[in-house]
Amino acid sequence: MNKELNIKDIENILQNRIKNDKYQTLKSMPTPENFKDIDKATKRIVDAIKNDETINLVGDYDVDGVTSTAIMVSFFSALGVEINYIIPNRFEHGYGLSPLILEQIYDGIIITVDNGISAVESAQICKQRGLDLIITDHHTVGDVLPDAYAIVNPKQSDCPFPFSEICGAQIAWYLCASIKKELKFDYNLMELFDLLSLAIVADIMPMVSLNKTMVKAGLKVLQKSMRPAMVVLRERYDLKTVTEEDIGFKIAPLINCAGRMADPSIALEFLLSFDEVEANMQLDYLIELNESRKEDQLKMFNEAKEQVEDSDNVVVVSSKDWNEGIVGIVASKLCEKYNKPAIVFSINEGVSKASCRSTSDINLYELIKTCASLLNGFGGHKQAAGLSINTDKLENFKILINQKIKTLPKLDEDTNRNSLGSFNLINVHNEVYNLIESYRPFGITNPYPIFTFNNLEIFNITKMGKNKEYSKLVVGDGKNIIEVIIFIDCEPMNIGEKISFNATISKNEFRGEVKYNLLFKELL
């Protein structure tokens, strides 16, 4: 599509994106009983509450896992029920419900959130020890299911829940809703929507239908929430309104960096802070950790680029010096730069662990599955995954996965990089910007509108950022000029050069003055 767009074209395109969404209101949302095993899980949890059994909760170290844990802890706290909760430290315990985590659990029942669907060995240990295991997870179901008391996961082929592309926190929330109903407990589940919106955005769920509706409602809750963590976040970042981009670029990295750099319990304690004094102290620490993460990430990204071979269809890079907590972000950056699936390994002597990210036209889980014979283990979903392999098999893996991708069927076209069409600088104004904003939230499969700007001359280039890793261009078409902000790694450009590129429209307010600029996406 390469026509010169007008405002009516943009409105038609955005309206067409959502016209077939089934769940456009909170009232139309599917109900908890649609999940396979949720009634069984609920009754077992309610029995545990009534019989004063120990309830053990096992989360995960990313935003989805931490917020899933916070949702469950908040709900059980409202019930007046004390639970034991553990979030694995990736450096000590590895991922999810591992045998190491089970060493900390002695009795009662176990509930997992945002993990467990690949915990076959741990489920067997639970069985041997007489511990009832309830798995709630959203990751892709493998060939072998854990032998658990109940499994609540919409990706099971026999699960009738009508919308499977949801995150772990949504399933945790639905479980709370089911328990509330069973106990006839008077509690407003909307109070948890601030946490829910963090998880849906951060875990890169498709921003359509049920997800879009929940996030739209969650952002409104987040904006007014008196949860101490949310109050101090709004104050610290001067968030008068909160968008999904604020979550993606400001809030989620702080929650994630705890697990990447130290221990995820720091982020959980922040979300569960008792008052604003405690929340501000925790936030200071998270910001400090995040600054360290940024420095490490930039160094790793630059080193990774040196290893990339242009002829490969899958980027596979590795180093013994890379922090395994940051490889996922580096994989995302490589995927964005090269528009290819990216797999980044942290080598730890005989075993290497990787985080993997993919473009939206490749099912990453299915791609990795074609190489399963070489791996110690893997798990994830279409866009993101993790895997473990013996280091001596790394080179064979790289060769094999680059062969397998050639025969893997493509998914729908990669819409996240597509331009809606050509746009003139004179049309970058308040009316267009406000129209686009009215269709928020945006995300994967429903991206913020991207436009093509053709043959604009570069008048000035300024380096930005603490490490001068970003750029600001001033470009023009002979009649109009505009600033272009570049946050991604791209080819060098020169003053006087004419460029064509894809970008989104952004608003900048400073001391009462409103300016519109462009956020650079890719050079054409």
Protein backbone atom coordinates (compact mmCIF):
# COMPACT_ATOMS: atom_id res chain seq x y z
CA MET A 1 0.00 0.00 0.00
CA ASN A 2 1.71 3.21 -1.12
CA LYS A 3 -1.00 5.87 -1.66
CA GLU A 4 -0.91 9.31 -0.02
CA LEU A 5 -3.12 8.89 3.06
CA ASN A 6 -5.65 11.33 4.47
CA ILE A 7 -7.31 11.35 7.89
CA LYS A 8 -10.42 9.47 6.68
CA ASP A 9 -8.21 6.66 5.29
CA ILE A 10 -6.51 6.31 8.68
CA GLU A 11 -9.84 6.16 10.52
CA ASN A 12 -11.15 3.47 8.15
CA ILE A 13 -8.00 1.36 8.57
CA LEU A 14 -8.11 1.56 12.38
CA GLN A 15 -11.84 0.83 12.48
CA ASN A 16 -11.40 -2.23 10.24
CA ARG A 17 -8.79 -3.63 12.63
CA ILE A 18 -11.26 -3.96 15.49
CA LYS A 19 -14.62 -4.44 13.78
CA ASN A 20 -14.50 -8.25 14.18
CA ASP A 21 -13.20 -8.26 17.77
CA LYS A 22 -15.56 -10.44 19.77
CA TYR A 23 -14.84 -9.11 23.26
CA GLN A 24 -15.02 -5.33 23.02
CA THR A 25 -16.58 -4.74 26.45
CA LEU A 26 -15.91 -6.08 29.94
CA LYS A 27 -19.47 -7.45 30.04
CA SER A 28 -18.80 -9.57 26.95
CA MET A 29 -15.67 -11.22 28.41
CA PRO A 30 -15.71 -15.03 28.56
CA THR A 31 -16.31 -16.40 32.06
CA PRO A 32 -13.91 -18.54 34.18
CA GLU A 33 -15.80 -21.85 33.83
CA ASN A 34 -14.75 -21.94 30.16
CA PHE A 35 -11.27 -23.06 31.24
CA LYS A 36 -10.60 -26.76 31.37
CA ASP A 37 -9.85 -27.90 34.96
CA ILE A 38 -10.59 -24.50 36.55
CA ASP A 39 -13.55 -25.88 38.54
CA LYS A 40 -11.44 -28.77 39.77
CA ALA A 41 -8.58 -26.40 40.68
CA THR A 42 -10.96 -24.00 42.43
CA LYS A 43 -12.61 -26.68 44.57
CA ARG A 44 -9.19 -28.04 45.64
CA ILE A 45 -7.99 -24.55 46.62
CA VAL A 46 -11.19 -23.82 48.52
CA ASP A 47 -10.81 -27.15 50.38
CA ALA A 48 -7.24 -26.16 51.25
CA ILE A 49 -8.48 -22.82 52.60
CA LYS A 50 -11.23 -24.44 54.69
CA ASN A 51 -8.92 -27.17 56.01
CA ASP A 52 -6.11 -24.70 56.78
CA GLU A 53 -3.67 -26.49 54.49
CA THR A 54 -0.47 -24.77 53.36
CA ILE A 55 -0.93 -23.07 50.00
CA ASN A 56 2.32 -22.67 48.07
CA LEU A 57 2.52 -20.34 45.07
CA VAL A 58 5.35 -20.54 42.51
CA GLY A 59 5.74 -17.63 40.08
CA ASP A 60 8.20 -16.58 37.41
CA TYR A 61 10.88 -13.89 37.22
CA ASP A 62 9.53 -11.78 34.34
CA VAL A 63 6.82 -9.08 34.51
CA ASP A 64 4.04 -11.57 33.77
CA GLY A 65 5.27 -13.97 36.45
CA VAL A 66 5.86 -11.25 39.07
CA THR A 67 2.48 -9.59 38.46
CA SER A 68 0.71 -12.98 38.40
CA THR A 69 2.20 -13.61 41.84
CA ALA A 70 1.20 -10.12 43.03
CA ILE A 71 -2.38 -10.68 41.83
CA MET A 72 -2.67 -13.97 43.71
CA VAL A 73 -1.01 -12.64 46.89
CA SER A 74 -3.26 -9.53 46.85
CA PHE A 75 -6.39 -11.64 46.37
CA PHE A 76 -5.53 -14.17 49.08
CA SER A 77 -4.58 -11.32 51.42
CA ALA A 78 -8.05 -9.81 50.85
CA LEU A 79 -9.49 -13.24 51.68
CA GLY A 80 -7.49 -13.20 54.92
CA VAL A 81 -5.57 -16.31 53.83
CA GLU A 82 -1.81 -16.43 54.25
CA ILE A 83 0.08 -18.21 51.47
CA ASN A 84 3.72 -19.07 50.88
CA TYR A 85 5.00 -17.55 47.65
CA ILE A 86 8.24 -18.14 45.82
CA ILE A 87 9.60 -16.60 42.64
CA PRO A 88 12.62 -18.55 41.37
CA ASN A 89 15.94 -16.75 41.00
CA ARG A 90 17.06 -17.56 37.44
CA PHE A 91 20.73 -17.69 38.50
CA GLU A 92 20.14 -20.07 41.45
CA HIS A 93 17.04 -22.09 40.60
CA GLY A 94 16.55 -21.84 36.84
CA TYR A 95 13.07 -21.47 35.40
CA GLY A 96 9.74 -22.23 37.00
CA LEU A 97 8.78 -25.18 39.17
CA SER A 98 12.18 -26.88 39.25
CA PRO A 99 13.29 -29.71 41.58
CA LEU A 100 15.40 -27.06 43.38
CA ILE A 101 12.30 -25.02 44.15
CA LEU A 102 10.52 -28.13 45.44
CA GLU A 103 13.24 -28.44 48.09
CA GLN A 104 11.69 -25.33 49.70
CA ILE A 105 8.16 -26.81 49.78
CA TYR A 106 7.28 -29.33 52.47
CA ASP A 107 3.51 -29.80 52.53
CA GLY A 108 0.13 -28.57 51.32
CA ILE A 109 -0.81 -27.78 47.73
CA ILE A 110 1.19 -26.03 45.00
CA ILE A 111 -0.17 -23.49 42.52
CA THR A 112 2.01 -22.29 39.66
CA VAL A 113 1.41 -19.01 37.83
CA ASP A 114 2.94 -18.25 34.41
CA ASN A 115 4.89 -21.52 34.46
CA GLY A 116 4.53 -25.26 34.95
CA ILE A 117 3.38 -26.61 31.59
CA SER A 118 6.87 -28.00 30.92
CA ALA A 119 7.54 -29.14 34.54
CA VAL A 120 7.19 -32.86 33.82
CA GLU A 121 9.95 -33.96 36.21
CA SER A 122 8.76 -31.72 39.06
CA ALA A 123 5.17 -32.91 38.65
CA GLN A 124 6.40 -36.46 39.13
CA ILE A 125 8.22 -35.45 42.33
CA CYS A 126 5.02 -33.78 43.60
CA LYS A 127 3.11 -36.98 42.89
CA GLN A 128 5.65 -39.07 44.81
CA ARG A 129 5.49 -36.69 47.77
CA GLY A 130 1.68 -36.50 47.81
CA LEU A 131 1.57 -32.81 46.95
CA ASP A 132 -1.40 -31.78 44.78
CA LEU A 133 -0.07 -29.61 41.94
CA ILE A 134 -2.28 -27.05 40.19
CA ILE A 135 -0.64 -25.60 37.09
CA THR A 136 -1.80 -22.30 35.63
CA ASP A 137 0.20 -21.34 32.56
CA HIS A 138 -0.20 -19.86 29.09
CA HIS A 139 2.90 -21.20 27.37
CA THR A 140 2.68 -23.64 24.47
CA VAL A 141 1.82 -27.18 25.52
CA GLY A 142 4.52 -29.74 24.73
CA ASP A 143 4.14 -33.33 23.57
CA VAL A 144 4.20 -34.59 27.19
CA LEU A 145 1.92 -33.01 29.81
CA PRO A 146 2.95 -32.88 33.49
CA ASP A 147 0.97 -35.34 35.63
CA ALA A 148 -0.71 -32.65 37.74
CA TYR A 149 -3.90 -32.49 39.81
CA ALA A 150 -5.23 -29.78 37.48
CA ILE A 151 -3.88 -27.83 34.50
CA VAL A 152 -5.45 -24.49 33.60
CA ASN A 153 -3.95 -23.47 30.26
CA PRO A 154 -6.04 -22.26 27.29
CA LYS A 155 -3.50 -23.68 24.83
CA GLN A 156 -4.53 -27.23 25.68
CA SER A 157 -6.30 -28.63 22.63
CA ASP A 158 -9.30 -29.72 24.71
CA CYS A 159 -9.67 -26.44 26.62
CA PRO A 160 -12.89 -24.68 25.53
CA PHE A 161 -11.81 -21.17 26.61
CA PRO A 162 -12.50 -19.18 23.43
CA PHE A 163 -9.40 -16.91 23.37
CA SER A 164 -6.07 -18.67 23.87
CA GLU A 165 -3.60 -15.80 23.32
CA ILE A 166 -3.61 -14.54 26.90
CA CYS A 167 -0.83 -14.20 29.47
CA GLY A 168 -0.21 -15.89 32.81
CA ALA A 169 -1.58 -12.99 34.85
CA GLN A 170 -4.91 -13.19 33.03
CA ILE A 171 -5.23 -16.86 33.94
CA ALA A 172 -4.27 -16.06 37.56
CA TRP A 173 -6.97 -13.36 37.57
CA TYR A 174 -9.57 -15.77 36.18
CA LEU A 175 -8.62 -18.30 38.88
CA CYS A 176 -9.19 -15.61 41.52
CA ALA A 177 -12.57 -14.88 39.91
CA SER A 178 -13.49 -18.55 40.11
CA ILE A 179 -12.43 -18.82 43.78
CA LYS A 180 -14.37 -15.63 44.58
CA LYS A 181 -17.50 -17.13 43.04
CA GLU A 182 -17.10 -20.47 44.85
CA LEU A 183 -16.64 -18.73 48.22
CA LYS A 184 -19.31 -16.09 47.48
CA PHE A 185 -16.67 -13.55 48.53
CA ASP A 186 -17.45 -9.83 48.19
CA TYR A 187 -14.40 -8.44 46.38
CA ASN A 188 -13.99 -6.09 43.41
CA LEU A 189 -11.69 -7.91 40.96
CA MET A 190 -11.28 -4.68 38.98
CA GLU A 191 -8.84 -3.62 41.72
CA LEU A 192 -6.35 -6.08 40.17
CA PHE A 193 -6.64 -4.66 36.65
CA ASP A 194 -3.70 -2.27 37.17
CA LEU A 195 -1.41 -5.28 37.66
CA LEU A 196 -3.16 -7.16 34.86
CA SER A 197 -2.48 -4.41 32.31
CA LEU A 198 1.26 -4.44 33.17
CA ALA A 199 1.47 -8.15 32.40
CA ILE A 200 -0.54 -8.18 29.15
CA VAL A 201 1.55 -5.36 27.67
CA ALA A 202 4.92 -6.54 28.95
CA ASP A 203 4.38 -10.15 27.82
CA ILE A 204 3.65 -8.88 24.30
CA MET A 205 0.19 -10.40 23.97
CA PRO A 206 -1.75 -9.62 20.74
CA MET A 207 -3.47 -6.29 21.41
CA VAL A 208 -6.86 -7.31 20.07
CA SER A 209 -10.21 -8.51 21.40
CA LEU A 210 -10.07 -9.66 25.04
CA ASN A 211 -6.52 -8.33 25.58
CA LYS A 212 -7.30 -4.88 24.20
CA THR A 213 -10.45 -4.63 26.33
CA MET A 214 -8.65 -5.68 29.51
CA VAL A 215 -5.71 -3.34 28.93
CA LYS A 216 -7.99 -0.40 28.09
CA ALA A 217 -9.81 -0.92 31.39
CA GLY A 218 -6.58 -1.67 33.24
CA LEU A 219 -4.94 1.58 32.13
CA LYS A 220 -7.85 3.52 33.62
CA VAL A 221 -7.45 1.64 36.91
CA LEU A 222 -3.67 2.16 36.84
CA GLN A 223 -4.15 5.89 36.37
CA LYS A 224 -6.22 6.19 39.56
CA SER A 225 -4.89 3.23 41.58
CA MET A 226 -3.94 4.01 45.19
CA ARG A 227 -1.64 0.98 45.27
CA PRO A 228 1.56 2.58 46.67
CA ALA A 229 3.71 1.21 43.83
CA MET A 230 1.44 2.78 41.21
CA VAL A 231 1.24 6.09 43.07
CA VAL A 232 5.03 6.50 43.20
CA LEU A 233 5.45 5.40 39.56
CA ARG A 234 2.99 8.06 38.42
CA GLU A 235 4.74 10.68 40.54
CA ARG A 236 8.29 9.70 39.58
CA TYR A 237 7.57 9.69 35.83
CA ASP A 238 5.02 12.51 35.91
CA LEU A 239 2.38 10.28 34.32
CA LYS A 240 -0.77 12.39 34.13
CA THR A 241 -2.22 9.80 31.76
CA VAL A 242 -0.84 6.27 31.49
CA THR A 243 -0.57 4.50 28.13
CA GLU A 244 0.57 1.05 27.09
CA GLU A 245 3.81 2.69 25.89
CA ASP A 246 4.45 3.97 29.42
CA ILE A 247 4.14 0.38 30.60
CA GLY A 248 6.34 -0.99 27.80
CA PHE A 249 9.14 1.59 27.99
CA LYS A 250 9.09 2.89 31.58
CA ILE A 251 7.38 0.52 34.01
CA ALA A 252 7.96 -3.01 32.62
CA PRO A 253 11.77 -2.62 32.33
CA LEU A 254 11.92 -1.74 36.04
CA ILE A 255 9.90 -4.82 37.05
CA ASN A 256 11.92 -7.03 34.71
CA CYS A 257 15.37 -5.77 35.71
CA ALA A 258 15.08 -7.18 39.24
CA GLY A 259 15.05 -10.75 37.89
CA ARG A 260 17.62 -9.93 35.22
CA MET A 261 20.21 -8.32 37.49
CA ALA A 262 19.53 -9.56 41.05
CA ASP A 263 16.36 -11.23 42.39
CA PRO A 264 12.73 -10.91 41.19
CA SER A 265 11.46 -10.73 44.77
CA ILE A 266 12.64 -7.08 44.79
CA ALA A 267 10.08 -6.26 42.08
CA LEU A 268 7.37 -8.25 43.86
CA GLU A 269 8.05 -6.42 47.13
CA PHE A 270 7.76 -3.14 45.21
CA LEU A 271 4.35 -4.06 43.73
CA LEU A 272 3.15 -5.22 47.18
CA SER A 273 4.62 -2.22 49.07
CA PHE A 274 2.70 -1.33 52.23
CA ASP A 275 3.07 2.44 51.82
CA GLU A 276 4.65 5.07 49.57
CA VAL A 277 7.80 5.37 51.70
CA GLU A 278 8.56 1.69 51.19
CA ALA A 279 7.56 1.89 47.51
CA ASN A 280 9.89 4.85 46.87
CA MET A 281 12.82 3.01 48.47
CA GLN A 282 12.18 -0.06 46.34
CA LEU A 283 11.74 2.10 43.22
CA ASP A 284 15.11 3.80 43.83
CA TYR A 285 16.76 0.37 43.90
CA LEU A 286 14.95 -0.80 40.77
CA ILE A 287 16.01 2.34 38.87
CA GLU A 288 19.61 1.75 39.94
CA LEU A 289 19.46 -1.86 38.76
CA ASN A 290 17.89 -0.77 35.49
CA GLU A 291 20.69 1.70 34.77
CA SER A 292 23.24 -1.11 35.25
CA ARG A 293 21.13 -3.31 32.99
CA LYS A 294 21.18 -0.69 30.22
CA GLU A 295 24.99 -0.46 30.31
CA ASP A 296 25.41 -4.25 30.21
CA GLN A 297 22.80 -4.57 27.47
CA LEU A 298 24.51 -2.01 25.19
CA LYS A 299 27.86 -3.77 25.56
CA MET A 300 26.30 -7.19 24.86
CA PHE A 301 24.34 -5.88 21.86
CA ASN A 302 27.46 -4.40 20.26
CA GLU A 303 29.38 -7.63 20.83
CA ALA A 304 26.49 -9.70 19.45
CA LYS A 305 26.35 -7.67 16.22
CA GLU A 306 29.97 -8.64 15.55
CA GLN A 307 28.92 -12.31 15.42
CA VAL A 308 25.93 -11.90 13.08
CA GLU A 309 26.27 -13.51 9.66
CA ASP A 310 24.15 -11.79 7.01
CA SER A 311 23.54 -15.04 5.13
CA ASP A 312 21.80 -16.67 8.12
CA ASN A 313 17.99 -16.71 8.31
CA VAL A 314 18.13 -17.08 12.10
CA VAL A 315 20.53 -14.96 14.15
CA VAL A 316 22.38 -17.25 16.60
CA VAL A 317 25.06 -15.66 18.84
CA SER A 318 26.75 -16.71 22.07
CA SER A 319 29.30 -15.74 24.72
CA LYS A 320 30.50 -16.94 28.10
CA ASP A 321 30.66 -13.29 29.24
CA TRP A 322 26.96 -12.49 28.77
CA ASN A 323 24.50 -12.19 31.67
CA GLU A 324 21.75 -14.74 31.08
CA GLY A 325 19.26 -12.30 32.60
CA ILE A 326 19.78 -9.84 29.73
CA VAL A 327 20.03 -12.15 26.70
CA GLY A 328 16.28 -11.82 26.09
CA ILE A 329 16.47 -8.05 25.58
CA VAL A 330 19.48 -8.44 23.29
CA ALA A 331 17.56 -11.06 21.30
CA SER A 332 14.68 -8.57 20.92
CA LYS A 333 17.06 -5.84 19.71
CA LEU A 334 18.71 -8.19 17.20
CA CYS A 335 15.32 -9.41 15.97
CA GLU A 336 14.24 -5.80 15.47
CA LYS A 337 17.47 -4.77 13.72
CA TYR A 338 17.74 -7.71 11.30
CA ASN A 339 14.03 -8.61 11.01
CA LYS A 340 14.88 -12.25 11.69
CA PRO A 341 14.37 -14.62 14.62
CA ALA A 342 17.24 -14.14 17.09
CA ILE A 343 18.65 -16.61 19.62
CA VAL A 344 21.17 -15.34 22.17
CA PHE A 345 23.12 -17.82 24.32
CA SER A 346 24.83 -17.30 27.65
CA ILE A 347 27.51 -20.00 27.93
CA ASN A 348 28.08 -21.44 31.40
CA GLU A 349 30.78 -24.10 30.98
CA GLY A 350 29.13 -27.27 29.65
CA VAL A 351 25.59 -25.88 29.35
CA SER A 352 24.33 -22.88 27.39
CA LYS A 353 20.99 -21.15 27.99
CA ALA A 354 19.30 -18.93 25.41
CA SER A 355 16.48 -16.47 25.14
CA CYS A 356 14.83 -16.32 21.73
CA ARG A 357 12.64 -13.72 20.02
CA SER A 358 10.88 -13.83 16.67
CA THR A 359 9.21 -11.73 14.02
CA SER A 360 5.42 -12.17 13.97
CA ASP A 361 5.48 -14.23 10.75
CA ILE A 362 7.49 -17.07 12.37
CA ASN A 363 6.17 -19.40 15.09
CA LEU A 364 9.28 -19.53 17.26
CA TYR A 365 8.11 -22.42 19.42
CA GLU A 366 7.49 -24.62 16.36
CA LEU A 367 10.84 -23.59 14.87
CA ILE A 368 12.76 -24.55 18.02
CA LYS A 369 10.76 -27.79 18.28
CA THR A 370 12.27 -28.92 14.94
CA CYS A 371 15.66 -28.96 16.72
CA ALA A 372 14.42 -30.63 19.93
CA SER A 373 16.73 -33.64 19.50
CA LEU A 374 19.74 -31.40 20.21
CA LEU A 375 18.27 -29.63 23.24
CA ASN A 376 18.14 -30.34 26.96
CA GLY A 377 14.84 -28.50 27.20
CA PHE A 378 12.80 -25.63 25.76
CA GLY A 379 9.53 -23.77 26.24
CA GLY A 380 7.68 -20.61 25.28
CA HIS A 381 5.24 -19.43 22.64
CA LYS A 382 5.08 -17.96 19.12
CA GLN A 383 7.10 -14.81 19.77
CA ALA A 384 9.40 -15.66 22.68
CA ALA A 385 11.03 -18.79 24.03
CA GLY A 386 13.86 -20.13 26.15
CA LEU A 387 16.07 -23.17 25.66
CA SER A 388 19.00 -25.06 27.12
CA ILE A 389 21.66 -27.03 25.24
CA ASN A 390 25.01 -28.67 25.88
CA THR A 391 27.65 -26.18 24.74
CA ASP A 392 29.38 -28.69 22.46
CA LYS A 393 26.17 -28.87 20.36
CA LEU A 394 25.88 -25.11 19.76
CA GLU A 395 27.42 -25.09 16.28
CA ASN A 396 25.26 -28.02 15.14
CA PHE A 397 22.19 -26.23 16.50
CA LYS A 398 23.01 -23.07 14.55
CA ILE A 399 23.38 -25.03 11.31
CA LEU A 400 20.21 -27.09 11.89
CA ILE A 401 17.90 -24.22 12.83
CA ASN A 402 19.01 -22.23 9.78
CA GLN A 403 18.09 -25.23 7.64
CA LYS A 404 14.74 -25.89 9.37
CA ILE A 405 13.44 -22.34 9.03
CA LYS A 406 13.49 -22.71 5.23
CA THR A 407 10.75 -25.37 5.40
CA LEU A 408 8.70 -23.85 8.26
CA PRO A 409 5.34 -22.46 7.05
CA LYS A 410 5.06 -18.69 7.49
CA LEU A 411 2.30 -17.23 9.64
CA ASP A 412 0.25 -14.23 8.52
CA GLU A 413 2.32 -11.39 7.12
CA ASP A 414 4.46 -9.47 9.61
CA THR A 415 2.05 -6.60 10.24
CA ASN A 416 4.16 -5.03 12.97
CA ARG A 417 6.53 -3.48 10.43
CA ASN A 418 3.97 -2.55 7.76
CA SER A 419 3.34 1.06 6.81
CA LEU A 420 -0.26 2.18 6.35
CA GLY A 421 0.95 4.24 3.38
CA SER A 422 2.73 7.44 2.36
CA PHE A 423 2.18 10.52 4.47
CA ASN A 424 2.96 14.19 3.94
CA LEU A 425 4.65 16.27 6.66
CA ILE A 426 1.96 18.93 6.38
CA ASN A 427 -0.55 16.33 7.73
CA VAL A 428 1.40 15.68 10.92
CA HIS A 429 -0.84 17.67 13.25
CA ASN A 430 -3.19 17.59 16.23
CA GLU A 431 -6.24 16.13 14.47
CA VAL A 432 -4.39 13.10 13.08
CA TYR A 433 -2.55 12.51 16.37
CA ASN A 434 -5.77 12.66 18.44
CA LEU A 435 -7.55 10.29 16.05
CA ILE A 436 -4.78 7.71 16.41
CA GLU A 437 -4.68 8.11 20.21
CA SER A 438 -8.43 7.44 20.42
CA TYR A 439 -7.79 3.87 19.20
CA ARG A 440 -5.33 2.96 21.96
CA PRO A 441 -4.17 0.57 23.29
CA PHE A 442 -1.93 -0.69 20.48
CA GLY A 443 0.48 -3.62 20.45
CA ILE A 444 1.48 -6.72 18.57
CA THR A 445 -0.86 -7.61 15.62
CA ASN A 446 -2.47 -4.18 16.15
CA PRO A 447 0.56 -1.85 16.04
CA TYR A 448 0.64 1.89 16.49
CA PRO A 449 0.13 3.26 12.95
CA ILE A 450 3.33 3.49 10.91
CA PHE A 451 3.62 5.88 7.96
CA THR A 452 6.09 6.22 5.09
CA PHE A 453 7.84 9.56 4.62
CA ASN A 454 9.59 9.97 1.26
CA ASN A 455 12.62 11.96 0.06
CA LEU A 456 13.16 14.16 3.10
CA GLU A 457 16.44 16.04 3.39
CA ILE A 458 18.51 15.82 6.59
CA PHE A 459 19.37 19.30 7.92
CA ASN A 460 20.86 18.36 11.28
CA ILE A 461 21.92 15.30 13.32
CA THR A 462 22.34 15.30 17.12
CA LYS A 463 23.47 12.38 19.31
CA MET A 464 21.36 11.74 22.44
CA GLY A 465 21.32 9.51 25.49
CA LYS A 466 23.75 8.81 28.32
CA ASN A 467 26.00 6.80 26.02
CA LYS A 468 25.12 8.78 22.86
CA GLU A 469 23.34 5.69 21.58
CA TYR A 470 20.32 7.57 20.16
CA SER A 471 20.01 10.20 17.43
CA LYS A 472 17.77 13.16 16.64
CA LEU A 473 17.45 14.30 13.02
CA VAL A 474 15.91 17.46 11.65
CA VAL A 475 14.42 16.70 8.21
CA GLY A 476 12.31 18.62 5.72
CA ASP A 477 10.50 18.51 2.38
CA GLY A 478 11.22 22.10 1.27
CA LYS A 479 8.11 23.51 2.95
CA ASN A 480 7.93 21.80 6.36
CA ILE A 481 10.54 20.55 8.82
CA ILE A 482 10.21 18.04 11.67
CA GLU A 483 12.38 16.25 14.23
CA VAL A 484 12.91 12.50 13.89
CA ILE A 485 13.98 10.53 16.98
CA ILE A 486 15.94 7.30 16.39
CA PHE A 487 16.01 4.87 19.30
CA ILE A 488 17.04 1.83 17.25
CA ASP A 489 20.37 0.75 15.82
CA CYS A 490 20.52 1.68 12.12
CA GLU A 491 22.91 2.61 9.33
CA PRO A 492 24.79 5.96 9.65
CA MET A 493 23.18 8.97 7.92
CA ASN A 494 24.68 12.29 6.81
CA ILE A 495 23.55 15.92 6.73
CA GLY A 496 22.38 16.85 3.23
CA GLU A 497 21.34 13.28 2.43
CA LYS A 498 17.76 12.59 1.28
CA ILE A 499 16.09 9.65 2.99
CA SER A 500 12.83 7.72 2.89
CA PHE A 501 11.76 5.94 6.06
CA ASN A 502 8.90 4.53 8.11
CA ALA A 503 7.94 6.24 11.36
CA THR A 504 5.16 6.81 13.87
CA ILE A 505 3.83 10.22 14.94
CA SER A 506 4.67 11.37 18.46
CA LYS A 507 3.71 14.35 20.63
CA ASN A 508 6.19 16.28 22.75
CA GLU A 509 5.08 18.76 25.42
CA PHE A 510 7.63 21.01 27.12
CA ARG A 511 6.80 24.03 29.26
CA GLY A 512 3.37 24.32 27.74
CA GLU A 513 4.60 24.13 24.14
CA VAL A 514 3.28 21.22 22.04
CA LYS A 515 5.37 19.85 19.16
CA TYR A 516 4.85 16.80 16.97
CA ASN A 517 7.79 14.68 15.92
CA LEU A 518 8.42 11.30 14.32
CA LEU A 519 9.72 8.10 15.93
CA PHE A 520 11.92 6.34 13.38
CA LYS A 521 11.15 2.68 12.60
CA GLU A 522 13.22 1.71 9.54
CA LEU A 523 15.15 3.17 6.63
CA LEU A 524 13.77 2.37 3.19
